[in-house]
C-alpha cells in the first residue's frame, strides 16, 4: 500500500513543481523585488499554496498533452473567444442602451459531450467571460446557463467554441 502511494506521489511531482514554479514567478512579477528575503518568502508561499491545494491540481491525464499543436490550437481558441467577447459586448451595450431594453432573461440547459475536466472548465469559464451569459452550474456534461436574451441562450447550442473543444479532444485521442 505504501508503495502505491509513493508511486502516485512520484507521478505528480512534475505537476507540483510546475505549479510551484508558476506561482513563484507570479510572486516575483507582482512583488518586483529580487532580493533574497522577498524571494525566500515568495518561494515558501508558492510551496505552501501548492501543497495545501494539491488535490485541486489538474493532472496530466485531465488536460491535453502539452505539444506545439495544442499550443497553436489554444491560441486560436483564445482569439475566437476574444472576438466573441467583443461581439457580445456590443450586443449587451445595444440591449442596455435600447429605449425599451429588450432583455429576456432565461435559463438554458446545455449538454455537451466533452470528456476532459480541463476542457469542461474552459468551456464554463468561456461562457461566463462572454457578456450576456453566465454559467450557473457545470456538472459533468451538463451546463445551466443564464442568458440575457433567448437568442443568446439558444446561440450557445451551436457556439463554434464548443465544436473547437470537441475537435481538440478527438484530435488528442
Protein backbone atom coordinates (compact mmCIF):
# COMPACT_ATOMS: atom_id res chain seq x y z
CA UNK A 1 0.00 0.00 0.00
CA UNK A 2 2.79 2.43 0.88
CA UNK A 3 4.49 1.65 -2.44
CA UNK A 4 1.28 2.60 -4.28
CA UNK A 5 1.11 5.96 -2.50
CA UNK A 6 4.80 6.59 -3.24
CA UNK A 7 4.26 5.79 -6.94
CA UNK A 8 1.30 8.17 -7.06
CA UNK A 9 3.38 10.93 -5.44
CA UNK A 10 6.20 10.35 -7.97
CA UNK A 11 3.81 10.72 -10.89
CA UNK A 12 2.54 14.05 -9.54
CA UNK A 13 5.92 15.66 -8.81
CA UNK A 14 6.22 17.37 -12.23
CA UNK A 15 2.74 18.85 -11.66
CA UNK A 16 3.68 20.08 -8.16
CA UNK A 17 7.00 21.53 -9.30
CA UNK A 18 5.40 23.21 -12.32
CA UNK A 19 2.64 24.76 -10.22
CA UNK A 20 5.12 25.95 -7.59
CA UNK A 21 7.32 27.47 -10.29
CA UNK A 22 4.40 29.32 -11.90
CA UNK A 23 3.24 30.67 -8.52
CA UNK A 24 6.78 31.72 -7.63
CA UNK A 25 7.25 33.52 -10.96
CA UNK A 26 3.92 35.25 -10.40
CA UNK A 27 5.15 36.33 -6.95
CA UNK A 28 8.33 37.76 -8.46
CA UNK A 29 6.36 39.61 -11.17
CA UNK A 30 3.90 41.09 -8.68
CA UNK A 31 6.37 41.97 -5.93
CA UNK A 32 9.02 43.32 -8.29
CA UNK A 33 11.67 42.55 -5.69
CA UNK A 34 14.71 40.43 -6.47
CA UNK A 35 16.33 40.43 -3.04
CA UNK A 36 16.76 37.11 -1.30
CA UNK A 37 14.38 37.77 1.67
CA UNK A 38 11.45 38.51 -0.69
CA UNK A 39 12.41 35.61 -2.96
CA UNK A 40 12.53 33.26 0.03
CA UNK A 41 9.10 34.37 1.23
CA UNK A 42 7.75 34.03 -2.31
CA UNK A 43 9.12 30.53 -2.72
CA UNK A 44 7.80 29.49 0.69
CA UNK A 45 4.36 30.88 -0.16
CA UNK A 46 4.35 29.08 -3.53
CA UNK A 47 5.30 25.76 -1.90
CA UNK A 48 2.70 26.26 0.85
CA UNK A 49 -0.10 27.07 -1.63
CA UNK A 50 0.81 24.15 -3.89
CA UNK A 51 0.97 21.71 -1.00
CA UNK A 52 -2.38 22.66 0.52
CA UNK A 53 -4.11 22.74 -2.87
CA UNK A 54 -2.53 19.59 -4.30
CA UNK A 55 -5.89 17.81 -4.54
CA UNK A 56 -7.22 20.62 -6.74
CA UNK A 57 -4.44 20.49 -9.32
CA UNK A 58 -5.29 19.23 -12.78
CA UNK A 59 -3.22 16.17 -13.62
CA UNK A 60 -1.68 15.37 -16.99
CA UNK A 61 -4.45 12.83 -17.61
CA UNK A 62 -7.11 15.54 -17.21
CA UNK A 63 -5.63 18.04 -19.65
CA UNK A 64 -4.47 17.82 -23.22
CA UNK A 65 -0.80 16.98 -23.69
CA UNK A 66 1.50 19.97 -23.97
CA UNK A 67 2.61 19.98 -27.60
CA UNK A 68 3.18 22.68 -30.19
CA UNK A 69 -0.04 21.63 -31.91
CA UNK A 70 -2.03 22.07 -28.68
CA UNK A 71 -0.48 25.48 -28.00
CA UNK A 72 -1.38 26.65 -31.52
CA UNK A 73 -4.89 25.28 -31.07
CA UNK A 74 -5.28 27.10 -27.73
CA UNK A 75 -4.06 30.36 -29.29
CA UNK A 76 -6.75 30.02 -31.98
CA UNK A 77 -9.34 29.22 -29.33
CA UNK A 78 -8.49 32.33 -27.33
CA UNK A 79 -8.53 34.54 -30.44
CA UNK A 80 -12.02 33.23 -31.27
CA UNK A 81 -13.09 33.74 -27.63
CA UNK A 82 -11.79 37.31 -27.67
CA UNK A 83 -13.73 38.05 -30.87
CA UNK A 84 -16.89 36.56 -29.34
CA UNK A 85 -16.40 38.64 -26.18
CA UNK A 86 -16.07 41.86 -28.22
CA UNK A 87 -19.14 40.96 -30.29
CA UNK A 88 -21.16 40.14 -27.14
CA UNK A 89 -20.08 43.43 -25.54
CA UNK A 90 -21.66 45.34 -28.42
CA UNK A 91 -24.82 43.22 -28.22
CA UNK A 92 -25.20 43.83 -24.47
CA UNK A 93 -24.47 47.55 -24.91
CA UNK A 94 -27.19 47.70 -27.57
CA UNK A 95 -29.66 45.95 -25.21
CA UNK A 96 -28.90 48.30 -22.34
CA UNK A 97 -28.99 51.47 -24.43
CA UNK A 98 -32.15 50.49 -26.33
CA UNK A 99 -35.14 52.62 -25.18
CA UNK A 100 -37.28 49.53 -24.44
CA UNK A 101 -34.39 47.41 -23.09
CA UNK A 102 -35.48 44.17 -24.82
CA UNK A 103 -33.95 41.89 -22.20
CA UNK A 104 -35.46 38.41 -21.88
CA UNK A 105 -33.60 36.71 -19.02
CA UNK A 106 -33.75 32.93 -19.26
CA UNK A 107 -32.02 29.76 -18.19
CA UNK A 108 -30.64 27.45 -20.86
CA UNK A 109 -29.80 23.82 -20.29
CA UNK A 110 -26.84 22.75 -22.37
CA UNK A 111 -25.49 19.25 -22.75
CA UNK A 112 -22.01 18.97 -24.22
CA UNK A 113 -20.09 15.77 -24.91
CA UNK A 114 -16.66 16.78 -23.61
CA UNK A 115 -14.63 14.29 -21.57
CA UNK A 116 -11.65 16.14 -20.11
CA UNK A 117 -12.11 18.17 -16.96
CA UNK A 118 -9.84 20.96 -18.19
CA UNK A 119 -11.92 21.32 -21.38
CA UNK A 120 -15.18 21.41 -19.40
CA UNK A 121 -13.80 24.08 -17.07
CA UNK A 122 -12.51 26.07 -20.05
CA UNK A 123 -15.97 25.96 -21.63
CA UNK A 124 -17.76 27.01 -18.42
CA UNK A 125 -15.36 29.93 -17.94
CA UNK A 126 -15.59 30.93 -21.62
CA UNK A 127 -19.38 31.12 -21.33
CA UNK A 128 -19.12 33.23 -18.19
CA UNK A 129 -16.50 35.55 -19.70
CA UNK A 130 -18.79 36.29 -22.63
CA UNK A 131 -21.08 39.22 -21.71
CA UNK A 132 -24.75 38.33 -21.51
CA UNK A 133 -24.19 34.74 -20.39
CA UNK A 134 -23.28 33.22 -17.05
CA UNK A 135 -22.58 29.58 -16.23
CA UNK A 136 -24.68 28.85 -13.16
CA UNK A 137 -23.98 25.12 -12.95
CA UNK A 138 -21.42 22.87 -14.62
CA UNK A 139 -21.96 19.24 -13.72
CA UNK A 140 -20.14 16.61 -15.80
CA UNK A 141 -21.54 17.15 -19.30
CA UNK A 142 -24.50 19.35 -18.32
CA UNK A 143 -24.40 23.11 -18.02
CA UNK A 144 -27.04 25.52 -16.79
CA UNK A 145 -26.51 28.97 -18.26
CA UNK A 146 -28.26 32.26 -17.53
CA UNK A 147 -28.67 34.33 -20.70
CA UNK A 148 -29.90 37.90 -21.14
CA UNK A 149 -31.90 37.06 -24.27
CA UNK A 150 -33.46 33.96 -25.79
CA UNK A 151 -31.32 34.44 -28.89
CA UNK A 152 -28.04 34.45 -26.95
CA UNK A 153 -29.16 31.42 -24.93
CA UNK A 154 -30.16 29.40 -27.98
CA UNK A 155 -26.99 30.51 -29.80
CA UNK A 156 -24.91 28.62 -27.25
CA UNK A 157 -26.11 25.29 -28.61
CA UNK A 158 -24.10 25.78 -31.82
CA UNK A 159 -21.37 28.02 -30.43
CA UNK A 160 -18.22 27.46 -32.53
CA UNK A 161 -16.05 27.24 -29.41
CA UNK A 162 -17.90 24.11 -28.26
CA UNK A 163 -17.11 22.46 -31.59
CA UNK A 164 -13.47 23.56 -31.28
CA UNK A 165 -13.25 21.87 -27.88
CA UNK A 166 -14.83 18.68 -29.24
CA UNK A 167 -12.43 18.58 -32.20
CA UNK A 168 -9.46 19.20 -29.93
CA UNK A 169 -10.46 16.24 -27.77
CA UNK A 170 -10.97 13.99 -30.80
CA UNK A 171 -7.55 15.07 -32.04
CA UNK A 172 -5.92 14.10 -28.73
CA UNK A 173 -7.35 10.54 -28.60
